[in-house]
Amino acid sequence: MVIMMQRLRDLREDKDLKQKDLANFLHCSQTTYSRYENGKLSVPIDVLKKLATFYHVSIDYLTEFTDVKKPYARKNVDKDI
């Protein structure tokens, strides 16, 4: 879980974004997003999907199942993402 939280932070910082920027994108508070990054709150699957799409990585990368960032080929991506 520690690696996952670090990956979320690293991806955000690589794009020079602040937590509030991601919170706005995810339609949550900055406090909620901070809790995701700090591991104090589990990241819901719908949020993981949005983050993976936003960062162009796989959910497996975000959740530490792989170290490969490249996302899988996607079928119809939700229009809400």
N, C-alpha and C. Protein backbone atom coordinates (compact mmCIF):
# COMPACT_ATOMS: atom_id res chain seq x y z
N MET A 1 0.83 -1.20 0.00
CA MET A 1 0.00 0.00 0.00
C MET A 1 0.87 1.26 0.00
N VAL A 2 2.02 1.19 0.63
CA VAL A 2 2.91 2.35 0.69
C VAL A 2 3.37 2.73 -0.72
N ILE A 3 3.68 1.73 -1.52
CA ILE A 3 4.12 2.00 -2.89
C ILE A 3 3.00 2.66 -3.68
N MET A 4 1.77 2.18 -3.50
CA MET A 4 0.63 2.76 -4.22
C MET A 4 0.49 4.25 -3.89
N MET A 5 0.59 4.58 -2.63
CA MET A 5 0.43 5.97 -2.23
C MET A 5 1.57 6.81 -2.82
N GLN A 6 2.77 6.25 -2.82
CA GLN A 6 3.92 6.96 -3.39
C GLN A 6 3.74 7.14 -4.89
N ARG A 7 3.17 6.14 -5.56
CA ARG A 7 2.94 6.25 -7.00
C ARG A 7 1.94 7.35 -7.30
N LEU A 8 0.88 7.44 -6.52
CA LEU A 8 -0.10 8.50 -6.74
C LEU A 8 0.56 9.87 -6.59
N ARG A 9 1.36 10.00 -5.58
CA ARG A 9 2.05 11.28 -5.35
C ARG A 9 3.05 11.58 -6.47
N ASP A 10 3.85 10.59 -6.83
CA ASP A 10 4.85 10.79 -7.88
C ASP A 10 4.20 11.16 -9.22
N LEU A 11 3.13 10.47 -9.57
CA LEU A 11 2.43 10.78 -10.83
C LEU A 11 1.89 12.21 -10.81
N ARG A 12 1.33 12.60 -9.68
CA ARG A 12 0.79 13.96 -9.55
C ARG A 12 1.92 14.99 -9.67
N GLU A 13 2.99 14.76 -8.96
CA GLU A 13 4.10 15.71 -8.96
C GLU A 13 4.79 15.77 -10.32
N ASP A 14 4.85 14.64 -11.03
CA ASP A 14 5.44 14.63 -12.37
C ASP A 14 4.70 15.55 -13.33
N LYS A 15 3.42 15.77 -13.07
CA LYS A 15 2.62 16.68 -13.89
C LYS A 15 2.53 18.07 -13.28
N ASP A 16 3.31 18.31 -12.23
CA ASP A 16 3.30 19.60 -11.53
C ASP A 16 1.90 20.01 -11.08
N LEU A 17 1.17 19.04 -10.53
CA LEU A 17 -0.18 19.30 -10.04
C LEU A 17 -0.19 19.31 -8.53
N LYS A 18 -1.14 20.02 -7.99
CA LYS A 18 -1.35 20.05 -6.55
C LYS A 18 -2.48 19.08 -6.21
N GLN A 19 -2.57 18.71 -4.95
CA GLN A 19 -3.65 17.82 -4.53
C GLN A 19 -5.01 18.41 -4.86
N LYS A 20 -5.15 19.71 -4.73
CA LYS A 20 -6.44 20.34 -5.02
C LYS A 20 -6.81 20.20 -6.49
N ASP A 21 -5.81 20.15 -7.38
CA ASP A 21 -6.08 19.95 -8.80
C ASP A 21 -6.71 18.58 -9.05
N LEU A 22 -6.14 17.56 -8.42
CA LEU A 22 -6.68 16.21 -8.56
C LEU A 22 -8.04 16.10 -7.87
N ALA A 23 -8.18 16.76 -6.74
CA ALA A 23 -9.47 16.74 -6.05
C ALA A 23 -10.55 17.34 -6.93
N ASN A 24 -10.25 18.44 -7.60
CA ASN A 24 -11.23 19.04 -8.51
C ASN A 24 -11.56 18.09 -9.64
N PHE A 25 -10.55 17.44 -10.22
CA PHE A 25 -10.77 16.50 -11.31
C PHE A 25 -11.65 15.33 -10.85
N LEU A 26 -11.44 14.87 -9.63
CA LEU A 26 -12.19 13.73 -9.10
C LEU A 26 -13.49 14.12 -8.43
N HIS A 27 -13.77 15.41 -8.34
CA HIS A 27 -14.98 15.92 -7.69
C HIS A 27 -15.05 15.48 -6.22
N CYS A 28 -13.93 15.66 -5.53
CA CYS A 28 -13.88 15.38 -4.09
C CYS A 28 -13.13 16.53 -3.43
N SER A 29 -13.07 16.50 -2.12
CA SER A 29 -12.35 17.56 -1.42
C SER A 29 -10.85 17.29 -1.45
N GLN A 30 -10.08 18.33 -1.22
CA GLN A 30 -8.62 18.18 -1.15
C GLN A 30 -8.26 17.27 0.01
N THR A 31 -9.02 17.34 1.08
CA THR A 31 -8.78 16.49 2.25
C THR A 31 -8.96 15.02 1.89
N THR A 32 -10.01 14.71 1.14
CA THR A 32 -10.24 13.33 0.72
C THR A 32 -9.10 12.84 -0.15
N TYR A 33 -8.69 13.67 -1.12
CA TYR A 33 -7.60 13.25 -1.99
C TYR A 33 -6.31 13.06 -1.18
N SER A 34 -6.05 13.94 -0.25
CA SER A 34 -4.88 13.82 0.61
C SER A 34 -4.91 12.49 1.37
N ARG A 35 -6.07 12.10 1.83
CA ARG A 35 -6.20 10.83 2.56
C ARG A 35 -5.93 9.64 1.64
N TYR A 36 -6.30 9.75 0.35
CA TYR A 36 -5.95 8.69 -0.61
C TYR A 36 -4.43 8.58 -0.70
N GLU A 37 -3.77 9.71 -0.89
CA GLU A 37 -2.31 9.71 -1.06
C GLU A 37 -1.58 9.28 0.20
N ASN A 38 -2.15 9.54 1.35
CA ASN A 38 -1.49 9.18 2.61
C ASN A 38 -1.88 7.80 3.12
N GLY A 39 -2.75 7.11 2.38
CA GLY A 39 -3.16 5.77 2.77
C GLY A 39 -4.13 5.73 3.93
N LYS A 40 -4.71 6.86 4.26
CA LYS A 40 -5.67 6.91 5.37
C LYS A 40 -7.08 6.57 4.91
N LEU A 41 -7.28 6.52 3.58
CA LEU A 41 -8.58 6.23 3.01
C LEU A 41 -8.35 5.37 1.77
N SER A 42 -9.08 4.27 1.67
CA SER A 42 -8.97 3.41 0.49
C SER A 42 -9.51 4.13 -0.73
N VAL A 43 -8.83 3.94 -1.85
CA VAL A 43 -9.24 4.59 -3.09
C VAL A 43 -10.31 3.72 -3.75
N PRO A 44 -11.52 4.24 -3.94
CA PRO A 44 -12.57 3.46 -4.59
C PRO A 44 -12.21 3.10 -6.04
N ILE A 45 -12.75 2.00 -6.53
CA ILE A 45 -12.42 1.53 -7.86
C ILE A 45 -12.75 2.56 -8.94
N ASP A 46 -13.84 3.30 -8.79
CA ASP A 46 -14.18 4.30 -9.81
C ASP A 46 -13.13 5.42 -9.84
N VAL A 47 -12.55 5.73 -8.69
CA VAL A 47 -11.50 6.74 -8.62
C VAL A 47 -10.21 6.18 -9.24
N LEU A 48 -9.91 4.92 -8.96
CA LEU A 48 -8.75 4.29 -9.58
C LEU A 48 -8.86 4.30 -11.10
N LYS A 49 -10.05 4.02 -11.61
CA LYS A 49 -10.26 4.04 -13.06
C LYS A 49 -10.00 5.44 -13.62
N LYS A 50 -10.50 6.45 -12.95
CA LYS A 50 -10.29 7.82 -13.41
C LYS A 50 -8.81 8.21 -13.36
N LEU A 51 -8.14 7.84 -12.28
CA LEU A 51 -6.72 8.17 -12.15
C LEU A 51 -5.89 7.43 -13.19
N ALA A 52 -6.17 6.16 -13.41
CA ALA A 52 -5.43 5.39 -14.41
C ALA A 52 -5.61 5.99 -15.79
N THR A 53 -6.81 6.39 -16.11
CA THR A 53 -7.09 7.01 -17.42
C THR A 53 -6.39 8.37 -17.51
N PHE A 54 -6.48 9.16 -16.47
CA PHE A 54 -5.87 10.49 -16.45
C PHE A 54 -4.36 10.41 -16.65
N TYR A 55 -3.72 9.47 -15.95
CA TYR A 55 -2.26 9.36 -15.99
C TYR A 55 -1.76 8.43 -17.11
N HIS A 56 -2.68 7.79 -17.83
CA HIS A 56 -2.31 6.85 -18.90
C HIS A 56 -1.46 5.70 -18.36
N VAL A 57 -1.92 5.13 -17.25
CA VAL A 57 -1.28 3.96 -16.66
C VAL A 57 -2.36 2.92 -16.40
N SER A 58 -1.94 1.71 -16.05
CA SER A 58 -2.91 0.67 -15.72
C SER A 58 -3.27 0.75 -14.23
N ILE A 59 -4.43 0.24 -13.91
CA ILE A 59 -4.81 0.13 -12.49
C ILE A 59 -3.84 -0.82 -11.79
N ASP A 60 -3.37 -1.84 -12.52
CA ASP A 60 -2.38 -2.75 -11.94
C ASP A 60 -1.13 -1.99 -11.50
N TYR A 61 -0.73 -1.00 -12.26
CA TYR A 61 0.43 -0.18 -11.87
C TYR A 61 0.11 0.60 -10.60
N LEU A 62 -1.05 1.22 -10.56
CA LEU A 62 -1.43 2.01 -9.39
C LEU A 62 -1.52 1.16 -8.13
N THR A 63 -1.96 -0.10 -8.28
CA THR A 63 -2.19 -0.95 -7.12
C THR A 63 -1.06 -1.94 -6.85
N GLU A 64 0.10 -1.69 -7.47
CA GLU A 64 1.33 -2.42 -7.19
C GLU A 64 1.38 -3.85 -7.73
N PHE A 65 0.48 -4.22 -8.66
CA PHE A 65 0.54 -5.56 -9.24
C PHE A 65 1.62 -5.65 -10.31
N THR A 66 2.07 -4.51 -10.82
CA THR A 66 3.11 -4.48 -11.83
C THR A 66 3.90 -3.18 -11.68
N ASP A 67 5.09 -3.19 -12.23
CA ASP A 67 5.89 -1.97 -12.28
C ASP A 67 5.84 -1.35 -13.67
N VAL A 68 5.06 -1.94 -14.56
CA VAL A 68 4.91 -1.45 -15.93
C VAL A 68 3.80 -0.41 -15.95
N LYS A 69 4.15 0.81 -16.34
CA LYS A 69 3.15 1.89 -16.34
C LYS A 69 2.15 1.78 -17.49
N LYS A 70 2.60 1.27 -18.63
CA LYS A 70 1.78 1.28 -19.85
C LYS A 70 0.43 0.61 -19.60
N PRO A 71 -0.65 1.31 -19.94
CA PRO A 71 -1.98 0.73 -19.73
C PRO A 71 -2.27 -0.34 -20.77
N TYR A 72 -3.21 -1.18 -20.45
CA TYR A 72 -3.70 -2.17 -21.39
C TYR A 72 -4.52 -1.47 -22.45
N ALA A 73 -4.69 -2.14 -23.59
CA ALA A 73 -5.60 -1.60 -24.60
C ALA A 73 -6.99 -1.57 -23.97
N ARG A 74 -7.66 -0.47 -24.14
CA ARG A 74 -8.98 -0.32 -23.50
C ARG A 74 -10.09 -0.48 -24.51
N LYS A 75 -11.15 -1.10 -24.04
CA LYS A 75 -12.35 -1.08 -24.86
C LYS A 75 -13.07 0.21 -24.53
N ASN A 76 -14.31 0.33 -24.78
CA ASN A 76 -15.04 1.57 -24.59
C ASN A 76 -14.83 2.14 -23.19
N VAL A 77 -14.13 3.25 -23.09
CA VAL A 77 -13.90 3.92 -21.82
C VAL A 77 -15.12 4.75 -21.49
N ASP A 78 -15.54 4.71 -20.23
CA ASP A 78 -16.69 5.50 -19.80
C ASP A 78 -16.53 6.95 -20.19
N LYS A 79 -17.59 7.54 -20.66
CA LYS A 79 -17.56 8.94 -21.06
C LYS A 79 -17.40 9.86 -19.86
N ASP A 80 -17.72 9.36 -18.66
CA ASP A 80 -17.65 10.17 -17.45
C ASP A 80 -16.23 10.32 -16.94
N ILE A 81 -15.31 9.55 -17.46
CA ILE A 81 -13.93 9.58 -16.97
C ILE A 81 -13.20 10.75 -17.58
